[in-house]
mmCIF file of all heavy atoms, coordinates in Angstrom:
data_MODEL
# 
_entry.id   MODEL 
# 
loop_
_atom_site.group_PDB 
_atom_site.id 
_atom_site.type_symbol 
_atom_site.label_atom_id 
_atom_site.label_alt_id 
_atom_site.label_comp_id 
_atom_site.label_asym_id 
_atom_site.label_entity_id 
_atom_site.label_seq_id 
_atom_site.pdbx_PDB_ins_code 
_atom_site.Cartn_x 
_atom_site.Cartn_y 
_atom_site.Cartn_z 
_atom_site.occupancy 
_atom_site.B_iso_or_equiv 
_atom_site.pdbx_formal_charge 
_atom_site.auth_seq_id 
_atom_site.auth_comp_id 
_atom_site.auth_asym_id 
_atom_site.auth_atom_id 
_atom_site.pdbx_PDB_model_num 
ATOM 1   N N   . ARG A 1 1  ? 83.548 138.504 89.696  1.00 0.00 ? 1  ARG A N   1 
ATOM 2   C CA  . ARG A 1 1  ? 83.562 138.673 91.148  1.00 0.00 ? 1  ARG A CA  1 
ATOM 3   C C   . ARG A 1 1  ? 84.863 139.337 91.581  1.00 0.00 ? 1  ARG A C   1 
ATOM 4   O O   . ARG A 1 1  ? 85.947 138.909 91.234  1.00 0.00 ? 1  ARG A O   1 
ATOM 5   C CB  . ARG A 1 1  ? 83.457 137.330 91.853  1.00 0.00 ? 1  ARG A CB  1 
ATOM 6   C CG  . ARG A 1 1  ? 83.525 137.472 93.387  1.00 0.00 ? 1  ARG A CG  1 
ATOM 7   C CD  . ARG A 1 1  ? 83.728 136.161 94.072  1.00 0.00 ? 1  ARG A CD  1 
ATOM 8   N NE  . ARG A 1 1  ? 85.079 135.683 93.785  1.00 0.00 ? 1  ARG A NE  1 
ATOM 9   C CZ  . ARG A 1 1  ? 85.611 134.621 94.339  1.00 0.00 ? 1  ARG A CZ  1 
ATOM 10  N NH1 . ARG A 1 1  ? 84.931 133.901 95.189  1.00 0.00 ? 1  ARG A NH1 1 
ATOM 11  N NH2 . ARG A 1 1  ? 86.841 134.246 94.037  1.00 0.00 ? 1  ARG A NH2 1 
ATOM 12  N N   . TYR A 1 2  ? 84.726 140.397 92.354  1.00 0.00 ? 2  TYR A N   1 
ATOM 13  C CA  . TYR A 1 2  ? 85.862 141.025 93.027  1.00 0.00 ? 2  TYR A CA  1 
ATOM 14  C C   . TYR A 1 2  ? 85.740 140.649 94.493  1.00 0.00 ? 2  TYR A C   1 
ATOM 15  O O   . TYR A 1 2  ? 84.679 140.829 95.094  1.00 0.00 ? 2  TYR A O   1 
ATOM 16  C CB  . TYR A 1 2  ? 85.834 142.550 92.872  1.00 0.00 ? 2  TYR A CB  1 
ATOM 17  C CG  . TYR A 1 2  ? 86.133 142.998 91.469  1.00 0.00 ? 2  TYR A CG  1 
ATOM 18  C CD1 . TYR A 1 2  ? 85.123 143.051 90.518  1.00 0.00 ? 2  TYR A CD1 1 
ATOM 19  C CD2 . TYR A 1 2  ? 87.423 143.347 91.097  1.00 0.00 ? 2  TYR A CD2 1 
ATOM 20  C CE1 . TYR A 1 2  ? 85.399 143.453 89.219  1.00 0.00 ? 2  TYR A CE1 1 
ATOM 21  C CE2 . TYR A 1 2  ? 87.703 143.753 89.804  1.00 0.00 ? 2  TYR A CE2 1 
ATOM 22  C CZ  . TYR A 1 2  ? 86.684 143.794 88.874  1.00 0.00 ? 2  TYR A CZ  1 
ATOM 23  O OH  . TYR A 1 2  ? 86.951 144.191 87.589  1.00 0.00 ? 2  TYR A OH  1 
ATOM 24  N N   . ILE A 1 3  ? 86.818 140.114 95.064  1.00 0.00 ? 3  ILE A N   1 
ATOM 25  C CA  . ILE A 1 3  ? 86.794 139.676 96.449  1.00 0.00 ? 3  ILE A CA  1 
ATOM 26  C C   . ILE A 1 3  ? 87.976 140.277 97.200  1.00 0.00 ? 3  ILE A C   1 
ATOM 27  O O   . ILE A 1 3  ? 89.090 140.338 96.674  1.00 0.00 ? 3  ILE A O   1 
ATOM 28  C CB  . ILE A 1 3  ? 86.791 138.130 96.554  1.00 0.00 ? 3  ILE A CB  1 
ATOM 29  C CG1 . ILE A 1 3  ? 86.632 137.669 97.994  1.00 0.00 ? 3  ILE A CG1 1 
ATOM 30  C CG2 . ILE A 1 3  ? 88.029 137.533 95.925  1.00 0.00 ? 3  ILE A CG2 1 
ATOM 31  C CD1 . ILE A 1 3  ? 86.331 136.176 98.130  1.00 0.00 ? 3  ILE A CD1 1 
ATOM 32  N N   . ARG A 1 4  ? 87.696 140.754 98.402  1.00 0.00 ? 4  ARG A N   1 
ATOM 33  C CA  . ARG A 1 4  ? 88.744 141.349 99.233  1.00 0.00 ? 4  ARG A CA  1 
ATOM 34  C C   . ARG A 1 4  ? 89.663 140.226 99.708  1.00 0.00 ? 4  ARG A C   1 
ATOM 35  O O   . ARG A 1 4  ? 89.231 139.304 100.387 1.00 0.00 ? 4  ARG A O   1 
ATOM 36  C CB  . ARG A 1 4  ? 88.118 142.068 100.423 1.00 0.00 ? 4  ARG A CB  1 
ATOM 37  C CG  . ARG A 1 4  ? 89.132 142.831 101.265 1.00 0.00 ? 4  ARG A CG  1 
ATOM 38  C CD  . ARG A 1 4  ? 88.494 143.452 102.497 1.00 0.00 ? 4  ARG A CD  1 
ATOM 39  N NE  . ARG A 1 4  ? 87.460 144.430 102.199 1.00 0.00 ? 4  ARG A NE  1 
ATOM 40  C CZ  . ARG A 1 4  ? 87.689 145.736 102.025 1.00 0.00 ? 4  ARG A CZ  1 
ATOM 41  N NH1 . ARG A 1 4  ? 88.913 146.214 102.119 1.00 0.00 ? 4  ARG A NH1 1 
ATOM 42  N NH2 . ARG A 1 4  ? 86.688 146.557 101.765 1.00 0.00 ? 4  ARG A NH2 1 
ATOM 43  N N   . HIS A 1 5  ? 90.930 140.354 99.341  1.00 0.00 ? 5  HIS A N   1 
ATOM 44  C CA  . HIS A 1 5  ? 91.926 139.360 99.747  1.00 0.00 ? 5  HIS A CA  1 
ATOM 45  C C   . HIS A 1 5  ? 92.515 139.742 101.099 1.00 0.00 ? 5  HIS A C   1 
ATOM 46  O O   . HIS A 1 5  ? 92.761 138.906 101.944 1.00 0.00 ? 5  HIS A O   1 
ATOM 47  C CB  . HIS A 1 5  ? 93.007 139.249 98.670  1.00 0.00 ? 5  HIS A CB  1 
ATOM 48  C CG  . HIS A 1 5  ? 94.054 138.247 98.958  1.00 0.00 ? 5  HIS A CG  1 
ATOM 49  N ND1 . HIS A 1 5  ? 93.798 136.903 99.063  1.00 0.00 ? 5  HIS A ND1 1 
ATOM 50  C CD2 . HIS A 1 5  ? 95.376 138.389 99.178  1.00 0.00 ? 5  HIS A CD2 1 
ATOM 51  C CE1 . HIS A 1 5  ? 94.908 136.265 99.328  1.00 0.00 ? 5  HIS A CE1 1 
ATOM 52  N NE2 . HIS A 1 5  ? 95.878 137.135 99.407  1.00 0.00 ? 5  HIS A NE2 1 
ATOM 53  N N   . ASP A 1 6  ? 92.769 140.982 101.286 1.00 0.00 ? 6  ASP A N   1 
ATOM 54  C CA  . ASP A 1 6  ? 93.184 141.545 102.570 1.00 0.00 ? 6  ASP A CA  1 
ATOM 55  C C   . ASP A 1 6  ? 92.724 143.001 102.577 1.00 0.00 ? 6  ASP A C   1 
ATOM 56  O O   . ASP A 1 6  ? 91.953 143.404 101.721 1.00 0.00 ? 6  ASP A O   1 
ATOM 57  C CB  . ASP A 1 6  ? 94.693 141.400 102.810 1.00 0.00 ? 6  ASP A CB  1 
ATOM 58  C CG  . ASP A 1 6  ? 95.541 142.051 101.733 1.00 0.00 ? 6  ASP A CG  1 
ATOM 59  O OD1 . ASP A 1 6  ? 95.160 143.129 101.228 1.00 0.00 ? 6  ASP A OD1 1 
ATOM 60  O OD2 . ASP A 1 6  ? 96.588 141.506 101.379 1.00 0.00 ? 6  ASP A OD2 1 
ATOM 61  N N   . ASP A 1 7  ? 93.181 143.784 103.518 1.00 0.00 ? 7  ASP A N   1 
ATOM 62  C CA  . ASP A 1 7  ? 92.678 145.156 103.621 1.00 0.00 ? 7  ASP A CA  1 
ATOM 63  C C   . ASP A 1 7  ? 92.960 146.007 102.389 1.00 0.00 ? 7  ASP A C   1 
ATOM 64  O O   . ASP A 1 7  ? 92.223 146.939 102.104 1.00 0.00 ? 7  ASP A O   1 
ATOM 65  C CB  . ASP A 1 7  ? 93.271 145.851 104.851 1.00 0.00 ? 7  ASP A CB  1 
ATOM 66  C CG  . ASP A 1 7  ? 92.630 145.349 106.131 1.00 0.00 ? 7  ASP A CG  1 
ATOM 67  O OD1 . ASP A 1 7  ? 91.529 144.768 106.056 1.00 0.00 ? 7  ASP A OD1 1 
ATOM 68  O OD2 . ASP A 1 7  ? 93.231 145.538 107.195 1.00 0.00 ? 7  ASP A OD2 1 
ATOM 69  N N   . GLU A 1 8  ? 94.013 145.711 101.653 1.00 0.00 ? 8  GLU A N   1 
ATOM 70  C CA  . GLU A 1 8  ? 94.411 146.557 100.524 1.00 0.00 ? 8  GLU A CA  1 
ATOM 71  C C   . GLU A 1 8  ? 94.212 145.916 99.159  1.00 0.00 ? 8  GLU A C   1 
ATOM 72  O O   . GLU A 1 8  ? 94.156 146.613 98.158  1.00 0.00 ? 8  GLU A O   1 
ATOM 73  C CB  . GLU A 1 8  ? 95.892 146.947 100.676 1.00 0.00 ? 8  GLU A CB  1 
ATOM 74  C CG  . GLU A 1 8  ? 96.189 147.756 101.927 1.00 0.00 ? 8  GLU A CG  1 
ATOM 75  C CD  . GLU A 1 8  ? 95.491 149.099 101.941 1.00 0.00 ? 8  GLU A CD  1 
ATOM 76  O OE1 . GLU A 1 8  ? 95.402 149.744 100.876 1.00 0.00 ? 8  GLU A OE1 1 
ATOM 77  O OE2 . GLU A 1 8  ? 95.004 149.492 103.015 1.00 0.00 ? 8  GLU A OE2 1 
ATOM 78  N N   . GLU A 1 9  ? 94.131 144.606 99.100  1.00 0.00 ? 9  GLU A N   1 
ATOM 79  C CA  . GLU A 1 9  ? 94.149 143.923 97.809  1.00 0.00 ? 9  GLU A CA  1 
ATOM 80  C C   . GLU A 1 9  ? 92.813 143.232 97.512  1.00 0.00 ? 9  GLU A C   1 
ATOM 81  O O   . GLU A 1 9  ? 92.246 142.565 98.360  1.00 0.00 ? 9  GLU A O   1 
ATOM 82  C CB  . GLU A 1 9  ? 95.268 142.876 97.802  1.00 0.00 ? 9  GLU A CB  1 
ATOM 83  C CG  . GLU A 1 9  ? 95.440 142.184 96.481  1.00 0.00 ? 9  GLU A CG  1 
ATOM 84  C CD  . GLU A 1 9  ? 96.589 141.185 96.501  1.00 0.00 ? 9  GLU A CD  1 
ATOM 85  O OE1 . GLU A 1 9  ? 97.255 141.040 97.527  1.00 0.00 ? 9  GLU A OE1 1 
ATOM 86  O OE2 . GLU A 1 9  ? 96.802 140.545 95.463  1.00 0.00 ? 9  GLU A OE2 1 
ATOM 87  N N   . TRP A 1 10 ? 92.343 143.446 96.291  1.00 0.00 ? 10 TRP A N   1 
ATOM 88  C CA  . TRP A 1 10 ? 91.148 142.774 95.799  1.00 0.00 ? 10 TRP A CA  1 
ATOM 89  C C   . TRP A 1 10 ? 91.558 141.923 94.607  1.00 0.00 ? 10 TRP A C   1 
ATOM 90  O O   . TRP A 1 10 ? 92.388 142.328 93.796  1.00 0.00 ? 10 TRP A O   1 
ATOM 91  C CB  . TRP A 1 10 ? 90.105 143.791 95.372  1.00 0.00 ? 10 TRP A CB  1 
ATOM 92  C CG  . TRP A 1 10 ? 89.424 144.489 96.505  1.00 0.00 ? 10 TRP A CG  1 
ATOM 93  C CD1 . TRP A 1 10 ? 89.972 145.397 97.359  1.00 0.00 ? 10 TRP A CD1 1 
ATOM 94  C CD2 . TRP A 1 10 ? 88.072 144.339 96.901  1.00 0.00 ? 10 TRP A CD2 1 
ATOM 95  N NE1 . TRP A 1 10 ? 89.043 145.829 98.256  1.00 0.00 ? 10 TRP A NE1 1 
ATOM 96  C CE2 . TRP A 1 10 ? 87.862 145.200 97.995  1.00 0.00 ? 10 TRP A CE2 1 
ATOM 97  C CE3 . TRP A 1 10 ? 87.013 143.575 96.433  1.00 0.00 ? 10 TRP A CE3 1 
ATOM 98  C CZ2 . TRP A 1 10 ? 86.630 145.296 98.638  1.00 0.00 ? 10 TRP A CZ2 1 
ATOM 99  C CZ3 . TRP A 1 10 ? 85.783 143.692 97.065  1.00 0.00 ? 10 TRP A CZ3 1 
ATOM 100 C CH2 . TRP A 1 10 ? 85.605 144.535 98.153  1.00 0.00 ? 10 TRP A CH2 1 
ATOM 101 N N   . MET A 1 11 ? 90.965 140.745 94.496  1.00 0.00 ? 11 MET A N   1 
ATOM 102 C CA  . MET A 1 11 ? 91.235 139.857 93.371  1.00 0.00 ? 11 MET A CA  1 
ATOM 103 C C   . MET A 1 11 ? 89.946 139.687 92.586  1.00 0.00 ? 11 MET A C   1 
ATOM 104 O O   . MET A 1 11 ? 88.860 139.683 93.160  1.00 0.00 ? 11 MET A O   1 
ATOM 105 C CB  . MET A 1 11 ? 91.742 138.511 93.872  1.00 0.00 ? 11 MET A CB  1 
ATOM 106 C CG  . MET A 1 11 ? 93.023 138.644 94.688  1.00 0.00 ? 11 MET A CG  1 
ATOM 107 S SD  . MET A 1 11 ? 93.548 137.086 95.397  1.00 0.00 ? 11 MET A SD  1 
ATOM 108 C CE  . MET A 1 11 ? 94.122 136.263 93.918  1.00 0.00 ? 11 MET A CE  1 
ATOM 109 N N   . ASP A 1 12 ? 90.079 139.553 91.260  1.00 0.00 ? 12 ASP A N   1 
ATOM 110 C CA  . ASP A 1 12 ? 88.880 139.352 90.453  1.00 0.00 ? 12 ASP A CA  1 
ATOM 111 C C   . ASP A 1 12 ? 88.935 138.024 89.727  1.00 0.00 ? 12 ASP A C   1 
ATOM 112 O O   . ASP A 1 12 ? 89.999 137.507 89.413  1.00 0.00 ? 12 ASP A O   1 
ATOM 113 C CB  . ASP A 1 12 ? 88.657 140.513 89.481  1.00 0.00 ? 12 ASP A CB  1 
ATOM 114 C CG  . ASP A 1 12 ? 89.667 140.566 88.365  1.00 0.00 ? 12 ASP A CG  1 
ATOM 115 O OD1 . ASP A 1 12 ? 90.865 140.441 88.654  1.00 0.00 ? 12 ASP A OD1 1 
ATOM 116 O OD2 . ASP A 1 12 ? 89.247 140.731 87.212  1.00 0.00 ? 12 ASP A OD2 1 
ATOM 117 N N   . THR A 1 13 ? 87.745 137.487 89.508  1.00 0.00 ? 13 THR A N   1 
ATOM 118 C CA  . THR A 1 13 ? 87.570 136.206 88.843  1.00 0.00 ? 13 THR A CA  1 
ATOM 119 C C   . THR A 1 13 ? 86.360 136.301 87.941  1.00 0.00 ? 13 THR A C   1 
ATOM 120 O O   . THR A 1 13 ? 85.318 136.822 88.346  1.00 0.00 ? 13 THR A O   1 
ATOM 121 C CB  . THR A 1 13 ? 87.314 135.085 89.878  1.00 0.00 ? 13 THR A CB  1 
ATOM 122 O OG1 . THR A 1 13 ? 88.351 135.071 90.828  1.00 0.00 ? 13 THR A OG1 1 
ATOM 123 C CG2 . THR A 1 13 ? 87.225 133.731 89.206  1.00 0.00 ? 13 THR A CG2 1 
ATOM 124 N N   . ASP A 1 14 ? 86.496 135.789 86.721  1.00 0.00 ? 14 ASP A N   1 
ATOM 125 C CA  . ASP A 1 14 ? 85.360 135.678 85.806  1.00 0.00 ? 14 ASP A CA  1 
ATOM 126 C C   . ASP A 1 14 ? 84.805 134.267 85.911  1.00 0.00 ? 14 ASP A C   1 
ATOM 127 O O   . ASP A 1 14 ? 85.557 133.288 85.856  1.00 0.00 ? 14 ASP A O   1 
ATOM 128 C CB  . ASP A 1 14 ? 85.798 135.899 84.354  1.00 0.00 ? 14 ASP A CB  1 
ATOM 129 C CG  . ASP A 1 14 ? 85.827 137.354 83.965  1.00 0.00 ? 14 ASP A CG  1 
ATOM 130 O OD1 . ASP A 1 14 ? 85.229 138.165 84.672  1.00 0.00 ? 14 ASP A OD1 1 
ATOM 131 O OD2 . ASP A 1 14 ? 86.447 137.673 82.944  1.00 0.00 ? 14 ASP A OD2 1 
ATOM 132 N N   . VAL A 1 15 ? 83.508 134.168 86.035  1.00 0.00 ? 15 VAL A N   1 
ATOM 133 C CA  . VAL A 1 15 ? 82.843 132.870 86.032  1.00 0.00 ? 15 VAL A CA  1 
ATOM 134 C C   . VAL A 1 15 ? 81.865 132.895 84.871  1.00 0.00 ? 15 VAL A C   1 
ATOM 135 O O   . VAL A 1 15 ? 81.035 133.806 84.762  1.00 0.00 ? 15 VAL A O   1 
ATOM 136 C CB  . VAL A 1 15 ? 82.125 132.608 87.370  1.00 0.00 ? 15 VAL A CB  1 
ATOM 137 C CG1 . VAL A 1 15 ? 81.434 131.261 87.342  1.00 0.00 ? 15 VAL A CG1 1 
ATOM 138 C CG2 . VAL A 1 15 ? 83.113 132.686 88.527  1.00 0.00 ? 15 VAL A CG2 1 
ATOM 139 N N   . VAL A 1 16 ? 81.995 131.909 83.990  1.00 0.00 ? 16 VAL A N   1 
ATOM 140 C CA  . VAL A 1 16 ? 81.243 131.923 82.736  1.00 0.00 ? 16 VAL A CA  1 
ATOM 141 C C   . VAL A 1 16 ? 80.593 130.564 82.509  1.00 0.00 ? 16 VAL A C   1 
ATOM 142 O O   . VAL A 1 16 ? 81.188 129.525 82.779  1.00 0.00 ? 16 VAL A O   1 
ATOM 143 C CB  . VAL A 1 16 ? 82.186 132.244 81.551  1.00 0.00 ? 16 VAL A CB  1 
ATOM 144 C CG1 . VAL A 1 16 ? 81.425 132.267 80.238  1.00 0.00 ? 16 VAL A CG1 1 
ATOM 145 C CG2 . VAL A 1 16 ? 82.915 133.552 81.776  1.00 0.00 ? 16 VAL A CG2 1 
ATOM 146 N N   . GLY A 1 17 ? 79.377 130.593 81.991  1.00 0.00 ? 17 GLY A N   1 
ATOM 147 C CA  . GLY A 1 17 ? 78.723 129.370 81.520  1.00 0.00 ? 17 GLY A CA  1 
ATOM 148 C C   . GLY A 1 17 ? 77.838 128.685 82.539  1.00 0.00 ? 17 GLY A C   1 
ATOM 149 O O   . GLY A 1 17 ? 77.880 128.960 83.735  1.00 0.00 ? 17 GLY A O   1 
ATOM 150 N N   . ILE A 1 18 ? 77.053 127.777 82.038  1.00 0.00 ? 18 ILE A N   1 
ATOM 151 C CA  . ILE A 1 18 ? 76.016 127.125 82.841  1.00 0.00 ? 18 ILE A CA  1 
ATOM 152 C C   . ILE A 1 18 ? 76.577 126.338 84.016  1.00 0.00 ? 18 ILE A C   1 
ATOM 153 O O   . ILE A 1 18 ? 75.932 126.204 85.051  1.00 0.00 ? 18 ILE A O   1 
ATOM 154 C CB  . ILE A 1 18 ? 75.118 126.231 81.962  1.00 0.00 ? 18 ILE A CB  1 
ATOM 155 C CG1 . ILE A 1 18 ? 73.843 125.878 82.706  1.00 0.00 ? 18 ILE A CG1 1 
ATOM 156 C CG2 . ILE A 1 18 ? 75.871 124.986 81.502  1.00 0.00 ? 18 ILE A CG2 1 
ATOM 157 C CD1 . ILE A 1 18 ? 72.724 125.421 81.829  1.00 0.00 ? 18 ILE A CD1 1 
ATOM 158 N N   . GLY A 1 19 ? 77.800 125.848 83.915  1.00 0.00 ? 19 GLY A N   1 
ATOM 159 C CA  . GLY A 1 19 ? 78.401 125.091 85.018  1.00 0.00 ? 19 GLY A CA  1 
ATOM 160 C C   . GLY A 1 19 ? 79.151 125.960 86.015  1.00 0.00 ? 19 GLY A C   1 
ATOM 161 O O   . GLY A 1 19 ? 79.689 125.457 86.997  1.00 0.00 ? 19 GLY A O   1 
ATOM 162 N N   . GLY A 1 20 ? 79.150 127.268 85.796  1.00 0.00 ? 20 GLY A N   1 
ATOM 163 C CA  . GLY A 1 20 ? 79.907 128.170 86.656  1.00 0.00 ? 20 GLY A CA  1 
ATOM 164 C C   . GLY A 1 20 ? 79.336 128.274 88.066  1.00 0.00 ? 20 GLY A C   1 
ATOM 165 O O   . GLY A 1 20 ? 78.126 128.230 88.266  1.00 0.00 ? 20 GLY A O   1 
ATOM 166 N N   . VAL A 1 21 ? 80.258 128.414 89.022  1.00 0.00 ? 21 VAL A N   1 
ATOM 167 C CA  . VAL A 1 21 ? 79.884 128.523 90.428  1.00 0.00 ? 21 VAL A CA  1 
ATOM 168 C C   . VAL A 1 21 ? 80.710 129.634 91.050  1.00 0.00 ? 21 VAL A C   1 
ATOM 169 O O   . VAL A 1 21 ? 81.916 129.736 90.807  1.00 0.00 ? 21 VAL A O   1 
ATOM 170 C CB  . VAL A 1 21 ? 80.150 127.197 91.169  1.00 0.00 ? 21 VAL A CB  1 
ATOM 171 C CG1 . VAL A 1 21 ? 79.898 127.338 92.654  1.00 0.00 ? 21 VAL A CG1 1 
ATOM 172 C CG2 . VAL A 1 21 ? 79.301 126.075 90.591  1.00 0.00 ? 21 VAL A CG2 1 
ATOM 173 N N   . ILE A 1 22 ? 80.060 130.474 91.857  1.00 0.00 ? 22 ILE A N   1 
ATOM 174 C CA  . ILE A 1 22 ? 80.743 131.567 92.546  1.00 0.00 ? 22 ILE A CA  1 
ATOM 175 C C   . ILE A 1 22 ? 80.610 131.351 94.041  1.00 0.00 ? 22 ILE A C   1 
ATOM 176 O O   . ILE A 1 22 ? 79.498 131.220 94.561  1.00 0.00 ? 22 ILE A O   1 
ATOM 177 C CB  . ILE A 1 22 ? 80.136 132.940 92.184  1.00 0.00 ? 22 ILE A CB  1 
ATOM 178 C CG1 . ILE A 1 22 ? 80.356 133.221 90.710  1.00 0.00 ? 22 ILE A CG1 1 
ATOM 179 C CG2 . ILE A 1 22 ? 80.731 134.049 93.042  1.00 0.00 ? 22 ILE A CG2 1 
ATOM 180 C CD1 . ILE A 1 22 ? 79.735 134.512 90.252  1.00 0.00 ? 22 ILE A CD1 1 
ATOM 181 N N   . ASP A 1 23 ? 81.743 131.326 94.716  1.00 0.00 ? 23 ASP A N   1 
ATOM 182 C CA  . ASP A 1 23 ? 81.766 131.200 96.165  1.00 0.00 ? 23 ASP A CA  1 
ATOM 183 C C   . ASP A 1 23 ? 81.780 132.599 96.775  1.00 0.00 ? 23 ASP A C   1 
ATOM 184 O O   . ASP A 1 23 ? 82.576 133.446 96.373  1.00 0.00 ? 23 ASP A O   1 
ATOM 185 C CB  . ASP A 1 23 ? 83.013 130.411 96.591  1.00 0.00 ? 23 ASP A CB  1 
ATOM 186 C CG  . ASP A 1 23 ? 83.046 130.158 98.077  1.00 0.00 ? 23 ASP A CG  1 
ATOM 187 O OD1 . ASP A 1 23 ? 81.979 130.062 98.711  1.00 0.00 ? 23 ASP A OD1 1 
ATOM 188 O OD2 . ASP A 1 23 ? 84.159 130.052 98.628  1.00 0.00 ? 23 ASP A OD2 1 
ATOM 189 N N   . LEU A 1 24 ? 80.894 132.853 97.717  1.00 0.00 ? 24 LEU A N   1 
ATOM 190 C CA  . LEU A 1 24 ? 80.845 134.111 98.456  1.00 0.00 ? 24 LEU A CA  1 
ATOM 191 C C   . LEU A 1 24 ? 81.096 133.782 99.930  1.00 0.00 ? 24 LEU A C   1 
ATOM 192 O O   . LEU A 1 24 ? 80.154 133.629 100.719 1.00 0.00 ? 24 LEU A O   1 
ATOM 193 C CB  . LEU A 1 24 ? 79.496 134.806 98.267  1.00 0.00 ? 24 LEU A CB  1 
ATOM 194 C CG  . LEU A 1 24 ? 79.129 135.139 96.820  1.00 0.00 ? 24 LEU A CG  1 
ATOM 195 C CD1 . LEU A 1 24 ? 77.708 135.652 96.727  1.00 0.00 ? 24 LEU A CD1 1 
ATOM 196 C CD2 . LEU A 1 24 ? 80.107 136.142 96.247  1.00 0.00 ? 24 LEU A CD2 1 
ATOM 197 N N   . PRO A 1 25 ? 82.359 133.664 100.308 1.00 0.00 ? 25 PRO A N   1 
ATOM 198 C CA  . PRO A 1 25 ? 82.672 133.206 101.667 1.00 0.00 ? 25 PRO A CA  1 
ATOM 199 C C   . PRO A 1 25 ? 82.200 134.141 102.775 1.00 0.00 ? 25 PRO A C   1 
ATOM 200 O O   . PRO A 1 25 ? 81.904 133.693 103.871 1.00 0.00 ? 25 PRO A O   1 
ATOM 201 C CB  . PRO A 1 25 ? 84.203 133.071 101.665 1.00 0.00 ? 25 PRO A CB  1 
ATOM 202 C CG  . PRO A 1 25 ? 84.679 133.880 100.523 1.00 0.00 ? 25 PRO A CG  1 
ATOM 203 C CD  . PRO A 1 25 ? 83.564 133.898 99.517  1.00 0.00 ? 25 PRO A CD  1 
ATOM 204 N N   . SER A 1 26 ? 82.086 135.418 102.486 1.00 0.00 ? 26 SER A N   1 
ATOM 205 C CA  . SER A 1 26 ? 81.679 136.356 103.540 1.00 0.00 ? 26 SER A CA  1 
ATOM 206 C C   . SER A 1 26 ? 80.251 136.122 104.016 1.00 0.00 ? 26 SER A C   1 
ATOM 207 O O   . SER A 1 26 ? 79.890 136.485 105.138 1.00 0.00 ? 26 SER A O   1 
ATOM 208 C CB  . SER A 1 26 ? 81.840 137.800 103.074 1.00 0.00 ? 26 SER A CB  1 
ATOM 209 O OG  . SER A 1 26 ? 80.899 138.104 102.074 1.00 0.00 ? 26 SER A OG  1 
# 
């Protein structure tokens, strides 16, 4: 997941495995 942190910066996170959860706040 790549998520916009602010207008210029994006942060990425890997989520792996059956217990993984991804939050999509937008």
